Amino acid sequence: MDDNRGAVSHRRPLAGLAARQQPWQASELLLRSLHTIRRHLGMEIAFISEFIEGRRVIRHLDAESADPPIRVGGSDPLEDSYCQRVVDGRLPELMTDACKNAEALTIPATRALNIGAHLSVPIRLADGRVFGTFCCFSRRPDEGLSARDLVTMRVLADVMAEHFDRELAGRDITGVMHRRIELALQSGCMRSVYQPIFNLPKGRAVGFEALTRFDCEPRRPPDQWFNEAAQIQRNVELELRAIDLALDGLDEVPDGLYVTINASPNTILDGRLTELLGGYPLERIVLEVTEHEEVEQYSEIARVVNPLRMAGLRVAVDDAGAGFACFKHILNLSPDIIKLDNSITRNIDADRNRQALAAALARFAETTQGKLVAEGVETAEELATLHRIGIEFAQGYSLGRPGPLQATLAQARETAARLRSERATLPH
């Protein structure tokens, strides 16, 4: 893939503790904190609530009983809760016996749950907003509770606030990402450009790689769009849209030439891709696998791709020579086309090691009845070296830049004429 489709506060003294936690570790830390404080204070229930649109929602809970009177996910109107009245000062943060407090007796839960000892402190975010509350209660009164116990609760509430600060920031960022991807999926925001792939000895184009461009904000390389989509599990949507746009141009590509489309393993395994490809002549399509990490679903990919290959589809693997993962792709997928990574092509004319590796990969491809395509060819010297060591196929700026299909077709004809005129001067 020559152009990469283009081929996730220090305000408090305990900030470092929660900041180093992964999301699941942070949640586990919260639950351990609830369990520890509940046991330390001799309470029956400890919980963290979040205030959401006028309701108090239980986020995390630790209970003495296996069948507690409140549950995670349970919610009730804020005005009917202890939490809101503690935050606005109508209830004290510490009550040794809630049944002796006149304000508490106006709340139905006091008698319904027979609440005795109760402690509750606000969880305040960095910007001063109240996220919710950190609470402990028991049906037993406890005259031994003191202001020191509240200090412990407040320290833990600060640690919890750091976790929720990051969580809410993550929610905001995720929301922005979703809105950007939604915009990109709208008509007119994505378009395909095409880069020619040449048979060097014959001096003619054999196909075109379809690449994606984004005409919406933020202006950034295509790989960043696809990477962001993957972070929010929407890369399949974006890739399918890109493939659909790419194949729109297939009818304009001369007979006998192919179009390469790029897809990650998740997109390949998605049934919508097979459905999409079903309407096209598969012998004119190359499916390039764009995963740069180790893949675990080789057998599943083969199950999906093999029937398409029997109908004419060819498979390509990119970044050959760039890492061990790519060699595993080659061995497990048996691709028809292997794309030589531009890190090997770059300055190959001046580096014997690169030449040796490229030549070895060319022989490997030939032995396995595949073809090796050198990507990222930018100079005449690189092109001449590739031709000399026996690499027949190449793409890159020296042969043609990605562009609108009609412009690329015209450019490919000019490049073909140039290659044929220069072929006699190339070393054999």
Protein backbone atom coordinates (compact mmCIF):
# COMPACT_ATOMS: atom_id res chain seq x y z
CA MET A 1 0.00 0.00 0.00
CA ASP A 2 1.98 2.94 -1.30
CA ASP A 3 -0.02 5.66 0.41
CA ASN A 4 -1.50 3.97 3.50
CA ARG A 5 -5.18 4.15 2.62
CA GLY A 6 -4.33 7.63 2.56
CA ALA A 7 -4.32 3.16 2.15
CA VAL A 8 -6.70 5.48 22.32
CA SER A 9 -4.25 16.54 36.66
CA HIS A 10 -1.86 17.36 39.28
CA ARG A 11 -4.28 19.22 41.52
CA ARG A 12 -4.52 16.45 44.11
CA PRO A 13 -1.69 14.82 46.10
CA LEU A 14 -2.81 11.31 45.13
CA ALA A 15 -3.02 12.05 41.40
CA GLY A 16 -0.28 9.62 40.41
CA LEU A 17 -2.01 6.59 41.90
CA ALA A 18 -5.08 6.57 39.67
CA ALA A 19 -3.38 8.17 36.70
CA ARG A 20 -1.24 5.12 36.06
CA GLN A 21 -4.22 2.76 35.99
CA GLN A 22 -5.73 1.26 32.87
CA PRO A 23 -9.56 1.68 32.72
CA TRP A 24 -10.31 -1.78 34.10
CA GLN A 25 -7.63 -1.37 36.76
CA ALA A 26 -9.09 1.97 37.81
CA SER A 27 -12.56 0.41 38.24
CA GLU A 28 -11.03 -2.39 40.28
CA LEU A 29 -9.28 0.21 42.42
CA LEU A 30 -12.61 1.95 43.05
CA LEU A 31 -14.25 -1.30 44.10
CA ARG A 32 -11.38 -2.16 46.44
CA SER A 33 -11.62 1.31 47.94
CA LEU A 34 -15.34 0.86 48.56
CA HIS A 35 -14.81 -2.53 50.15
CA THR A 36 -11.97 -1.26 52.36
CA ILE A 37 -13.81 1.83 53.64
CA ARG A 38 -17.02 -0.10 54.22
CA ARG A 39 -15.19 -2.67 56.32
CA HIS A 40 -13.14 0.00 58.11
CA LEU A 41 -16.24 1.99 59.11
CA GLY A 42 -18.35 -1.06 59.88
CA MET A 43 -20.98 -0.09 57.31
CA GLU A 44 -23.32 -2.40 55.41
CA ILE A 45 -23.16 -0.63 52.04
CA ALA A 46 -20.69 1.68 50.30
CA PHE A 47 -21.42 3.13 46.87
CA ILE A 48 -20.52 5.77 44.31
CA SER A 49 -23.31 7.65 42.58
CA GLU A 50 -23.36 9.82 39.47
CA PHE A 51 -25.77 12.68 38.89
CA ILE A 52 -27.27 12.33 35.40
CA GLU A 53 -30.05 14.56 34.08
CA GLY A 54 -31.76 15.06 37.42
CA ARG A 55 -31.32 11.49 38.65
CA ARG A 56 -28.91 9.77 40.97
CA VAL A 57 -27.47 6.63 39.35
CA ILE A 58 -25.52 3.99 41.31
CA ARG A 59 -22.20 3.45 39.50
CA HIS A 60 -20.22 1.20 41.86
CA LEU A 61 -21.30 -0.64 45.00
CA ASP A 62 -19.89 -2.88 47.72
CA ALA A 63 -22.27 -4.52 50.18
CA GLU A 64 -22.09 -6.76 53.24
CA SER A 65 -25.12 -8.73 52.04
CA ALA A 66 -25.39 -10.74 48.85
CA ASP A 67 -28.83 -9.20 48.37
CA PRO A 68 -28.42 -5.46 49.08
CA PRO A 69 -31.40 -3.09 48.99
CA ILE A 70 -29.81 -1.00 46.20
CA ARG A 71 -28.16 -2.16 42.98
CA VAL A 72 -25.60 -0.91 40.46
CA GLY A 73 -27.50 0.87 37.72
CA GLY A 74 -30.42 1.71 39.97
CA SER A 75 -31.56 5.31 39.86
CA ASP A 76 -34.05 7.66 41.46
CA PRO A 77 -34.83 11.37 41.27
CA LEU A 78 -32.08 13.48 42.80
CA GLU A 79 -34.56 15.34 45.00
CA ASP A 80 -35.61 12.05 46.60
CA SER A 81 -32.02 11.11 47.46
CA TYR A 82 -29.70 11.79 50.36
CA CYS A 83 -26.99 12.65 47.81
CA GLN A 84 -28.52 15.89 46.54
CA ARG A 85 -29.37 17.12 50.02
CA VAL A 86 -25.85 16.45 51.27
CA VAL A 87 -24.41 18.39 48.31
CA ASP A 88 -26.68 21.41 48.85
CA GLY A 89 -26.26 21.36 52.64
CA ARG A 90 -29.74 20.31 53.73
CA LEU A 91 -28.25 17.15 55.23
CA PRO A 92 -24.95 16.85 57.09
CA GLU A 93 -22.23 14.70 55.57
CA LEU A 94 -22.14 12.55 58.71
CA MET A 95 -25.18 11.27 60.60
CA THR A 96 -24.73 8.72 63.34
CA ASP A 97 -28.47 7.98 63.16
CA ALA A 98 -30.44 9.32 60.18
CA CYS A 99 -33.73 8.49 61.87
CA LYS A 100 -33.03 11.29 64.35
CA ASN A 101 -32.62 13.92 61.61
CA ALA A 102 -35.82 15.78 60.68
CA GLU A 103 -34.73 16.44 57.08
CA ALA A 104 -33.74 12.80 56.58
CA LEU A 105 -37.17 11.68 57.82
CA THR A 106 -38.78 13.55 54.89
CA ILE A 107 -37.01 11.16 52.50
CA PRO A 108 -39.00 7.92 51.99
CA ALA A 109 -35.83 5.79 51.84
CA THR A 110 -35.00 6.62 55.46
CA ARG A 111 -37.90 4.57 56.83
CA ALA A 112 -38.09 2.16 53.89
CA LEU A 113 -34.47 1.09 54.39
CA ASN A 114 -34.39 1.86 58.11
CA ILE A 115 -31.20 3.90 57.60
CA GLY A 116 -29.09 4.39 60.70
CA ALA A 117 -25.48 5.58 60.30
CA HIS A 118 -24.86 7.50 57.08
CA LEU A 119 -21.82 9.25 55.60
CA SER A 120 -21.77 10.99 52.23
CA VAL A 121 -19.26 13.34 50.57
CA PRO A 122 -19.43 15.01 47.13
CA ILE A 123 -17.13 13.88 44.34
CA ARG A 124 -16.01 17.15 42.77
CA LEU A 125 -14.34 17.26 39.37
CA ALA A 126 -11.39 19.44 38.44
CA ASP A 127 -13.66 22.15 37.03
CA GLY A 128 -15.71 22.32 40.24
CA ARG A 129 -18.70 20.35 38.99
CA VAL A 130 -20.19 17.70 41.25
CA PHE A 131 -19.92 14.30 39.58
CA GLY A 132 -21.92 12.57 42.29
CA THR A 133 -21.32 11.32 45.79
CA PHE A 134 -19.34 8.72 47.73
CA CYS A 135 -21.60 7.22 50.40
CA CYS A 136 -21.66 4.64 53.16
CA PHE A 137 -24.61 3.65 55.30
CA SER A 138 -25.81 1.02 57.70
CA ARG A 139 -29.17 0.16 59.19
CA ARG A 140 -27.46 0.28 62.57
CA PRO A 141 -26.82 3.65 64.26
CA ASP A 142 -23.15 4.25 65.12
CA GLU A 143 -22.30 6.92 67.66
CA GLY A 144 -18.59 6.14 67.22
CA LEU A 145 -18.34 7.81 63.82
CA SER A 146 -16.26 11.00 63.85
CA ALA A 147 -14.95 13.85 61.72
CA ARG A 148 -11.79 11.80 61.17
CA ASP A 149 -13.89 9.25 59.27
CA LEU A 150 -15.15 12.03 57.02
CA VAL A 151 -11.56 13.09 56.28
CA THR A 152 -10.83 9.54 55.08
CA MET A 153 -13.94 9.63 52.89
CA ARG A 154 -12.91 12.97 51.36
CA VAL A 155 -9.39 11.77 50.55
CA LEU A 156 -10.83 8.75 48.74
CA ALA A 157 -13.39 10.97 47.01
CA ASP A 158 -10.50 13.03 45.61
CA VAL A 159 -8.90 9.91 44.16
CA MET A 160 -12.25 8.87 42.69
CA ALA A 161 -12.72 12.32 41.18
CA GLU A 162 -9.45 11.93 39.26
CA HIS A 163 -10.74 8.71 37.73
CA PHE A 164 -14.03 10.30 36.70
CA ASP A 165 -12.26 13.40 35.35
CA ARG A 166 -10.41 11.14 32.93
CA GLU A 167 -13.50 9.09 32.17
CA LEU A 168 -15.55 12.15 31.29
CA ALA A 169 -12.71 13.56 29.20
CA GLY A 170 -12.67 10.22 27.37
CA ARG A 171 -16.42 10.45 26.82
CA ASP A 172 -16.00 13.93 25.36
CA ILE A 173 -13.17 12.83 23.07
CA THR A 174 -15.11 9.75 21.97
CA GLY A 175 -18.10 11.92 21.17
CA VAL A 176 -15.94 14.20 19.03
CA MET A 177 -14.52 11.18 17.21
CA HIS A 178 -17.98 9.82 16.45
CA ARG A 179 -19.11 13.18 15.09
CA ARG A 180 -16.02 13.41 12.87
CA ILE A 181 -16.57 9.90 11.46
CA GLU A 182 -20.26 10.65 10.87
CA LEU A 183 -19.21 13.73 8.91
CA ALA A 184 -16.67 11.77 6.89
CA LEU A 185 -19.32 9.20 5.94
CA GLN A 186 -21.56 11.88 4.48
CA SER A 187 -21.71 12.28 0.72
CA GLY A 188 -18.90 14.39 -0.69
CA CYS A 189 -16.53 14.09 2.25
CA MET A 190 -14.56 11.08 0.97
CA ARG A 191 -13.22 10.47 -2.51
CA SER A 192 -10.98 7.95 -4.24
CA VAL A 193 -7.72 8.66 -6.00
CA TYR A 194 -5.82 6.07 -8.00
CA GLN A 195 -2.11 5.31 -8.36
CA PRO A 196 -0.86 3.23 -11.29
CA ILE A 197 1.07 -0.02 -10.92
CA PHE A 198 3.43 -0.83 -13.78
CA ASN A 199 4.97 -3.88 -15.38
CA LEU A 200 8.48 -2.51 -15.88
CA PRO A 201 9.80 -4.89 -18.58
CA LYS A 202 6.68 -4.41 -20.70
CA GLY A 203 6.42 -0.69 -19.98
CA ARG A 204 2.69 -0.63 -19.29
CA ALA A 205 0.23 -0.21 -16.43
CA VAL A 206 -1.33 -3.40 -15.06
CA GLY A 207 -3.55 -1.92 -12.40
CA PHE A 208 -4.37 0.97 -10.09
CA GLU A 209 -4.39 1.13 -6.31
CA ALA A 210 -7.41 3.00 -4.97
CA LEU A 211 -6.55 5.34 -2.11
CA THR A 212 -8.83 7.53 -0.03
CA ARG A 213 -8.83 11.28 0.49
CA PHE A 214 -10.93 13.23 2.98
CA ASP A 215 -12.33 16.65 2.12
CA CYS A 216 -13.58 17.54 5.60
CA GLU A 217 -12.17 18.85 8.85
CA PRO A 218 -9.79 18.24 10.41
CA ARG A 219 -7.41 18.27 7.47
CA ARG A 220 -5.07 15.37 8.15
CA PRO A 221 -3.55 12.28 6.47
CA PRO A 222 -5.98 9.47 5.58
CA ASP A 223 -4.30 6.96 7.89
CA GLN A 224 -5.21 9.18 10.85
CA TRP A 225 -8.87 9.03 9.83
CA PHE A 226 -8.83 5.25 9.65
CA ASN A 227 -6.87 4.91 12.91
CA GLU A 228 -9.35 7.16 14.72
CA ALA A 229 -12.28 5.17 13.33
CA ALA A 230 -10.63 2.00 14.65
CA GLN A 231 -10.38 3.52 18.14
CA ILE A 232 -14.17 3.78 18.31
CA GLN A 233 -14.84 0.52 16.43
CA ARG A 234 -16.06 2.27 13.27
CA ASN A 235 -13.20 1.43 10.94
CA VAL A 236 -15.28 -1.21 9.14
CA GLU A 237 -17.90 1.43 8.24
CA LEU A 238 -15.24 3.80 6.98
CA GLU A 239 -13.37 1.15 5.01
CA LEU A 240 -16.55 -0.16 3.38
CA ARG A 241 -17.42 3.37 2.33
CA ALA A 242 -13.93 3.82 0.87
CA ILE A 243 -14.16 0.50 -0.99
CA ASP A 244 -17.58 1.39 -2.37
CA LEU A 245 -16.22 4.68 -3.70
CA ALA A 246 -13.13 3.00 -5.13
CA LEU A 247 -15.13 0.40 -7.06
CA ASP A 248 -17.33 3.10 -8.57
CA GLY A 249 -14.42 3.82 -10.90
CA LEU A 250 -13.88 0.23 -12.05
CA ASP A 251 -16.02 0.65 -15.18
CA GLU A 252 -13.74 3.47 -16.32
CA VAL A 253 -10.57 1.39 -15.95
CA PRO A 254 -9.58 -0.24 -19.27
CA ASP A 255 -10.28 -3.94 -19.64
CA GLY A 256 -7.47 -6.17 -18.48
CA LEU A 257 -6.37 -3.80 -15.72
CA TYR A 258 -7.24 -4.31 -12.06
CA VAL A 259 -8.11 -2.07 -9.12
CA THR A 260 -6.60 -2.71 -5.69
CA ILE A 261 -8.81 -2.01 -2.66
CA ASN A 262 -7.56 -1.94 0.93
CA ALA A 263 -9.26 -3.72 3.83
CA SER A 264 -8.37 -4.68 7.39
CA PRO A 265 -9.10 -8.21 8.69
CA ASN A 266 -12.22 -6.97 10.51
CA THR A 267 -13.60 -5.56 7.27
CA ILE A 268 -12.73 -8.73 5.38
CA LEU A 269 -14.62 -10.76 7.96
CA ASP A 270 -17.63 -8.46 7.80
CA GLY A 271 -20.35 -9.98 5.63
CA ARG A 272 -21.06 -6.63 4.01
CA LEU A 273 -17.76 -6.75 2.09
CA THR A 274 -18.64 -10.04 0.40
CA GLU A 275 -22.04 -8.63 -0.45
CA LEU A 276 -20.47 -5.46 -1.86
CA LEU A 277 -17.96 -7.35 -4.00
CA GLY A 278 -20.65 -9.63 -5.36
CA GLY A 279 -21.74 -7.02 -7.87
CA TYR A 280 -18.32 -6.67 -9.56
CA PRO A 281 -16.04 -8.76 -11.80
CA LEU A 282 -13.73 -10.22 -9.17
CA GLU A 283 -10.97 -11.04 -11.64
CA ARG A 284 -10.40 -7.27 -11.92
CA ILE A 285 -10.12 -6.67 -8.17
CA VAL A 286 -7.16 -7.14 -5.81
CA LEU A 287 -7.94 -7.18 -2.09
CA GLU A 288 -4.99 -5.82 -0.12
CA VAL A 289 -4.82 -6.79 3.56
CA THR A 290 -3.80 -3.70 5.54
CA GLU A 291 -3.08 -5.11 8.99
CA HIS A 292 0.41 -4.30 10.27
CA GLU A 293 0.14 -6.30 13.49
CA GLU A 294 -0.08 -10.03 14.07
CA VAL A 295 -3.42 -11.49 12.97
CA GLU A 296 -5.20 -14.23 14.90
CA GLN A 297 -8.05 -14.93 12.46
CA TYR A 298 -6.16 -16.41 9.50
CA SER A 299 -8.50 -19.40 9.25
CA GLU A 300 -11.56 -17.15 9.37
CA ILE A 301 -10.09 -14.86 6.71
CA ALA A 302 -9.39 -17.86 4.50
CA ARG A 303 -12.96 -19.09 4.98
CA VAL A 304 -14.30 -15.76 3.70
CA VAL A 305 -11.73 -15.08 1.00
CA ASN A 306 -11.24 -18.50 -0.58
CA PRO A 307 -14.65 -18.60 -2.34
CA LEU A 308 -13.96 -15.10 -3.67
CA ARG A 309 -10.52 -16.18 -4.88
CA MET A 310 -12.06 -19.13 -6.68
CA ALA A 311 -14.27 -16.59 -8.46
CA GLY A 312 -11.24 -14.57 -9.58
CA LEU A 313 -10.37 -12.23 -6.69
CA ARG A 314 -6.67 -11.80 -5.97
CA VAL A 315 -5.18 -11.09 -2.54
CA ALA A 316 -2.23 -8.82 -1.76
CA VAL A 317 -0.18 -8.29 1.40
CA ASP A 318 1.65 -5.02 1.92
CA ASP A 319 4.76 -3.91 3.81
CA ALA A 320 6.89 -6.94 2.93
CA GLY A 321 10.27 -6.52 4.58
CA ALA A 322 8.97 -4.07 7.19
CA GLY A 323 8.47 -6.54 10.04
CA PHE A 324 7.86 -10.11 11.19
CA ALA A 325 4.06 -9.71 11.20
CA CYS A 326 4.04 -9.22 7.44
CA PHE A 327 5.94 -12.46 6.85
CA LYS A 328 3.31 -14.28 8.92
CA HIS A 329 0.63 -12.75 6.69
CA ILE A 330 2.50 -13.98 3.61
CA LEU A 331 2.90 -17.51 4.96
CA ASN A 332 -0.68 -17.81 6.20
CA LEU A 333 -2.55 -16.03 3.41
CA SER A 334 -0.52 -17.19 0.39
CA PRO A 335 -1.11 -13.88 -1.41
CA ASP A 336 -1.13 -13.49 -5.16
CA ILE A 337 0.71 -10.17 -4.81
CA ILE A 338 3.35 -9.13 -2.27
CA LYS A 339 3.96 -5.40 -1.85
CA LEU A 340 7.59 -4.56 -1.12
CA ASP A 341 7.64 -1.91 1.61
CA ASN A 342 8.94 1.50 0.64
CA SER A 343 11.48 1.34 3.48
CA ILE A 344 13.24 -1.30 1.35
CA THR A 345 12.70 0.51 -1.96
CA ARG A 346 13.98 3.86 -0.70
CA ASN A 347 17.64 4.36 -1.73
CA ILE A 348 17.82 0.77 -2.92
CA ASP A 349 20.19 1.87 -5.67
CA ALA A 350 22.81 2.75 -3.03
CA ASP A 351 22.32 -0.14 -0.59
CA ARG A 352 23.37 -3.70 -1.41
CA ASN A 353 21.54 -5.10 1.63
CA ARG A 354 18.26 -3.68 0.40
CA GLN A 355 18.98 -5.04 -3.04
CA ALA A 356 19.67 -8.52 -1.65
CA LEU A 357 16.47 -8.55 0.40
CA ALA A 358 14.37 -7.30 -2.50
CA ALA A 359 15.86 -9.89 -4.84
CA ALA A 360 15.22 -12.66 -2.31
CA LEU A 361 11.59 -11.61 -1.92
CA ALA A 362 11.22 -11.51 -5.71
CA ARG A 363 12.48 -15.09 -5.94
CA PHE A 364 10.17 -16.13 -3.10
CA ALA A 365 7.16 -14.57 -4.84
CA GLU A 366 8.11 -16.28 -8.09
CA THR A 367 8.47 -19.66 -6.35
CA THR A 368 5.03 -19.30 -4.76
CA GLN A 369 3.52 -18.20 -8.08
CA GLY A 370 2.97 -14.69 -6.81
CA LYS A 371 4.11 -11.28 -7.94
CA LEU A 372 6.26 -8.76 -6.07
CA VAL A 373 5.32 -5.09 -6.47
CA ALA A 374 7.83 -2.51 -5.23
CA GLU A 375 6.11 0.44 -3.57
CA GLY A 376 7.37 3.98 -3.10
CA VAL A 377 9.63 4.19 -6.15
CA GLU A 378 10.58 7.86 -6.33
CA THR A 379 13.73 8.13 -8.44
CA ALA A 380 14.98 6.91 -11.78
CA GLU A 381 17.94 5.29 -10.01
CA GLU A 382 15.66 3.25 -7.78
CA LEU A 383 13.60 2.24 -10.78
CA ALA A 384 16.66 1.13 -12.75
CA THR A 385 17.96 -0.90 -9.80
CA LEU A 386 14.65 -2.68 -9.32
CA HIS A 387 14.58 -3.56 -13.00
CA ARG A 388 18.19 -4.81 -12.85
CA ILE A 389 17.61 -7.16 -9.89
CA GLY A 390 14.58 -8.67 -11.54
CA ILE A 391 11.58 -6.95 -9.93
CA GLU A 392 8.96 -6.61 -12.64
CA PHE A 393 6.26 -4.54 -10.96
CA ALA A 394 6.40 -1.16 -9.25
CA GLN A 395 4.44 1.89 -8.19
CA GLY A 396 5.48 5.23 -6.81
CA TYR A 397 5.83 8.91 -7.55
CA SER A 398 8.41 8.33 -10.28
CA LEU A 399 5.76 6.37 -12.18
CA GLY A 400 2.64 8.28 -11.23
CA ARG A 401 1.16 10.14 -8.31
CA PRO A 402 -2.29 9.32 -6.90
CA GLY A 403 -4.99 11.38 -8.55
CA PRO A 404 -8.51 11.40 -10.01
CA LEU A 405 -9.04 8.40 -12.24
CA GLN A 406 -9.17 10.14 -15.62
CA ALA A 407 -6.07 12.18 -14.83
CA THR A 408 -4.30 9.04 -13.61
CA LEU A 409 -5.21 7.15 -16.77
CA ALA A 410 -3.72 9.92 -18.90
CA GLN A 411 -0.63 10.05 -16.70
CA ALA A 412 -0.25 6.26 -16.95
CA ARG A 413 -0.26 6.43 -20.74
CA GLU A 414 2.48 9.06 -20.67
CA THR A 415 4.55 7.03 -18.21
CA ALA A 416 4.12 3.89 -20.31
CA ALA A 417 5.40 5.71 -23.37
CA ARG A 418 8.38 6.99 -21.39
CA LEU A 419 9.20 3.53 -20.03
CA ARG A 420 9.11 2.00 -23.47
CA SER A 421 11.37 4.67 -24.85
CA GLU A 422 13.82 4.22 -21.98
CA ARG A 423 13.64 0.43 -21.85
CA ALA A 424 16.51 -0.01 -24.30
CA THR A 425 18.80 2.03 -22.03
CA LEU A 426 17.97 0.11 -18.83
CA PRO A 427 20.63 -2.42 -17.72
CA HIS A 428 19.76 -6.06 -18.39
